[in-house]
C-alpha atoms as a PDB file:
ATOM      1  CA  GLU A   1     138.943 102.964 124.296  1.00  0.00           C
ATOM      2  CA  VAL A   2     136.474 103.515 121.478  1.00  0.00           C
ATOM      3  CA  HIS A   3     134.748 100.305 120.486  1.00  0.00           C
ATOM      4  CA  LEU A   4     132.234  99.944 117.645  1.00  0.00           C
ATOM      5  CA  VAL A   5     130.712  96.565 116.817  1.00  0.00           C
ATOM      6  CA  GLU A   6     128.567  96.189 113.716  1.00  0.00           C
ATOM      7  CA  SER A   7     126.094  93.360 113.195  1.00  0.00           C
ATOM      8  CA  GLY A   8     123.077  92.381 111.116  1.00  0.00           C
ATOM      9  CA  GLY A   9     124.670  91.791 107.744  1.00  0.00           C
ATOM     10  CA  GLY A  10     124.041  88.764 105.580  1.00  0.00           C
ATOM     11  CA  LEU A  11     122.964  87.462 102.200  1.00  0.00           C
ATOM     12  CA  VAL A  12     119.758  88.918 100.808  1.00  0.00           C
ATOM     13  CA  GLN A  13     118.032  88.841  97.441  1.00  0.00           C
ATOM     14  CA  PRO A  14     117.631  91.998  95.358  1.00  0.00           C
ATOM     15  CA  GLY A  15     114.670  93.953  96.642  1.00  0.00           C
ATOM     16  CA  GLY A  16     115.097  92.598 100.142  1.00  0.00           C
ATOM     17  CA  SER A  17     115.783  94.340 103.435  1.00  0.00           C
ATOM     18  CA  LEU A  18     118.299  94.220 106.246  1.00  0.00           C
ATOM     19  CA  ARG A  19     118.755  96.158 109.469  1.00  0.00           C
ATOM     20  CA  LEU A  20     122.282  96.808 110.614  1.00  0.00           C
ATOM     21  CA  SER A  21     123.172  97.655 114.196  1.00  0.00           C
ATOM     22  CA  CYS A  22     126.270  99.204 115.719  1.00  0.00           C
ATOM     23  CA  ALA A  23     126.940  98.877 119.430  1.00  0.00           C
ATOM     24  CA  ALA A  24     129.148 101.685 120.741  1.00  0.00           C
ATOM     25  CA  SER A  25     131.222 101.851 123.904  1.00  0.00           C
ATOM     26  CA  GLY A  26     134.206 103.688 125.345  1.00  0.00           C
ATOM     27  CA  PHE A  27     133.010 107.195 124.543  1.00  0.00           C
ATOM     28  CA  ALA A  28     130.045 109.508 125.111  1.00  0.00           C
ATOM     29  CA  PHE A  29     127.958 108.145 122.250  1.00  0.00           C
ATOM     30  CA  SER A  30     125.052 110.534 122.755  1.00  0.00           C
ATOM     31  CA  THR A  31     127.280 113.568 122.144  1.00  0.00           C
ATOM     32  CA  TYR A  32     128.673 112.421 118.789  1.00  0.00           C
ATOM     33  CA  ALA A  33     127.289 112.568 115.300  1.00  0.00           C
ATOM     34  CA  MET A  34     127.703 109.146 113.731  1.00  0.00           C
ATOM     35  CA  SER A  35     128.086 107.783 110.245  1.00  0.00           C
ATOM     36  CA  TRP A  36     127.730 104.649 108.191  1.00  0.00           C
ATOM     37  CA  VAL A  37     130.313 104.020 105.491  1.00  0.00           C
ATOM     38  CA  ARG A  38     130.825 101.026 103.218  1.00  0.00           C
ATOM     39  CA  GLN A  39     133.488  99.410 101.095  1.00  0.00           C
ATOM     40  CA  ALA A  40     132.564  97.370  98.077  1.00  0.00           C
ATOM     41  CA  PRO A  41     134.927  94.704  96.721  1.00  0.00           C
ATOM     42  CA  GLY A  42     137.909  96.333  95.036  1.00  0.00           C
ATOM     43  CA  LYS A  43     136.729  99.868  95.796  1.00  0.00           C
ATOM     44  CA  GLY A  44     137.494 102.581  98.309  1.00  0.00           C
ATOM     45  CA  LEU A  45     135.546 103.612 101.358  1.00  0.00           C
ATOM     46  CA  GLU A  46     132.210 105.271 100.507  1.00  0.00           C
ATOM     47  CA  TRP A  47     130.148 107.449 102.829  1.00  0.00           C
ATOM     48  CA  VAL A  48     126.542 106.231 103.158  1.00  0.00           C
ATOM     49  CA  SER A  49     124.753 108.279 105.821  1.00  0.00           C
ATOM     50  CA  ASP A  50     125.118 110.609 108.812  1.00  0.00           C
ATOM     51  CA  ILE A  51     123.008 111.355 111.837  1.00  0.00           C
ATOM     52  CA  ASN A  52     123.491 114.132 114.374  1.00  0.00           C
ATOM     53  CA  SER A  53     123.989 113.480 118.059  1.00  0.00           C
ATOM     54  CA  GLY A  54     120.319 113.831 118.969  1.00  0.00           C
ATOM     55  CA  GLY A  55     118.996 111.942 115.986  1.00  0.00           C
ATOM     56  CA  SER A  56     117.000 114.867 114.613  1.00  0.00           C
ATOM     57  CA  ALA A  57     119.030 115.444 111.459  1.00  0.00           C
ATOM     58  CA  THR A  58     120.131 112.908 108.869  1.00  0.00           C
ATOM     59  CA  SER A  59     121.805 112.914 105.476  1.00  0.00           C
ATOM     60  CA  TYR A  60     122.289 110.270 102.809  1.00  0.00           C
ATOM     61  CA  ALA A  61     124.393 109.529  99.781  1.00  0.00           C
ATOM     62  CA  HIS A  62     122.432 109.942  96.558  1.00  0.00           C
ATOM     63  CA  SER A  63     122.809 106.234  95.815  1.00  0.00           C
ATOM     64  CA  VAL A  64     120.868 105.181  98.940  1.00  0.00           C
ATOM     65  CA  LYS A  65     118.496 108.081  99.525  1.00  0.00           C
ATOM     66  CA  GLY A  66     114.908 106.926  99.794  1.00  0.00           C
ATOM     67  CA  ARG A  67     115.945 103.316 100.439  1.00  0.00           C
ATOM     68  CA  PHE A  68     118.077 103.490 103.599  1.00  0.00           C
ATOM     69  CA  THR A  69     117.180 105.029 106.967  1.00  0.00           C
ATOM     70  CA  ILE A  70     119.707 105.844 109.685  1.00  0.00           C
ATOM     71  CA  SER A  71     118.595 106.078 113.315  1.00  0.00           C
ATOM     72  CA  ARG A  72     120.011 105.834 116.803  1.00  0.00           C
ATOM     73  CA  ASP A  73     119.013 104.942 120.346  1.00  0.00           C
ATOM     74  CA  ASN A  74     121.189 106.961 122.701  1.00  0.00           C
ATOM     75  CA  ALA A  75     119.825 105.122 125.740  1.00  0.00           C
ATOM     76  CA  LYS A  76     121.215 101.891 124.264  1.00  0.00           C
ATOM     77  CA  ASN A  77     124.368 103.426 122.717  1.00  0.00           C
ATOM     78  CA  THR A  78     123.321 101.892 119.414  1.00  0.00           C
ATOM     79  CA  LEU A  79     123.272 103.122 115.821  1.00  0.00           C
ATOM     80  CA  TYR A  80     121.074 101.545 113.152  1.00  0.00           C
ATOM     81  CA  LEU A  81     120.796 101.410 109.384  1.00  0.00           C
ATOM     82  CA  GLN A  82     117.546 100.115 107.895  1.00  0.00           C
ATOM     83  CA  MET A  83     118.189  99.094 104.307  1.00  0.00           C
ATOM     84  CA  ASN A  84     115.256  98.454 101.994  1.00  0.00           C
ATOM     85  CA  SER A  85     114.986  97.731  98.269  1.00  0.00           C
ATOM     86  CA  LEU A  86     118.523  96.416  98.266  1.00  0.00           C
ATOM     87  CA  GLU A  87     120.410  96.253  94.989  1.00  0.00           C
ATOM     88  CA  SER A  88     123.460  94.272  93.927  1.00  0.00           C
ATOM     89  CA  GLU A  89     125.419  97.544  93.995  1.00  0.00           C
ATOM     90  CA  ASP A  90     124.826  97.695  97.762  1.00  0.00           C
ATOM     91  CA  THR A  91     127.052  94.653  98.277  1.00  0.00           C
ATOM     92  CA  ALA A  92     129.834  95.799 100.593  1.00  0.00           C
ATOM     93  CA  VAL A  93     131.256  95.652 104.078  1.00  0.00           C
ATOM     94  CA  TYR A  94     129.351  98.202 106.144  1.00  0.00           C
ATOM     95  CA  TYR A  95     130.987 100.099 108.980  1.00  0.00           C
ATOM     96  CA  CYS A  96     129.776 102.527 111.574  1.00  0.00           C
ATOM     97  CA  ALA A  97     132.158 105.347 112.361  1.00  0.00           C
ATOM     98  CA  ARG A  98     132.495 108.582 114.273  1.00  0.00           C
ATOM     99  CA  ASP A  99     132.766 110.649 111.123  1.00  0.00           C
ATOM    100  CA  SER A 100     132.028 110.461 107.417  1.00  0.00           C
ATOM    101  CA  ALA A 101     135.638 109.558 106.630  1.00  0.00           C
ATOM    102  CA  GLY A 102     135.263 106.355 108.587  1.00  0.00           C
ATOM    103  CA  SER A 103     137.474 107.261 111.517  1.00  0.00           C
ATOM    104  CA  GLY A 104     137.458 104.761 114.355  1.00  0.00           C
ATOM    105  CA  ARG A 105     135.213 102.364 112.468  1.00  0.00           C
ATOM    106  CA  GLY A 106     134.562  98.875 113.720  1.00  0.00           C
ATOM    107  CA  GLN A 107     135.319  95.547 112.065  1.00  0.00           C
ATOM    108  CA  GLY A 108     132.340  95.842 109.754  1.00  0.00           C
ATOM    109  CA  THR A 109     129.504  93.566 108.725  1.00  0.00           C
ATOM    110  CA  GLN A 110     129.224  91.995 105.277  1.00  0.00           C
ATOM    111  CA  VAL A 111     126.133  92.672 103.200  1.00  0.00           C
ATOM    112  CA  THR A 112     125.741  90.611 100.043  1.00  0.00           C
ATOM    113  CA  VAL A 113     122.849  91.264  97.679  1.00  0.00           C
ATOM    114  CA  SER A 114     122.506  88.451  95.194  1.00  0.00           C
ATOM    115  CA  SER A 115     119.915  86.150  93.711  1.00  0.00           C
END
């Protein structure tokens, strides 16, 4: 059974940083491209970033490019999202998923950017 568990969210001031983690189990993590998606209050699911199975290729939504960095450690079956220069518009529940549509995503971790 696929199991994705996100962690690392919290309350941060504008301009601050957070590092999200996603622990994966139940599938061959190292063979899958992975994604981060988010859902802001009252809005639909939004794709944030992708990374290929080996970690050598990444892509980002325009709204986060230059501020967020996706990475992975296949030895630890873990996906990461380093978020810098956070803005109030980044407030959302963040999910890791096995594709950019959010399939098989975990329970999510709340990120709140507020002063």
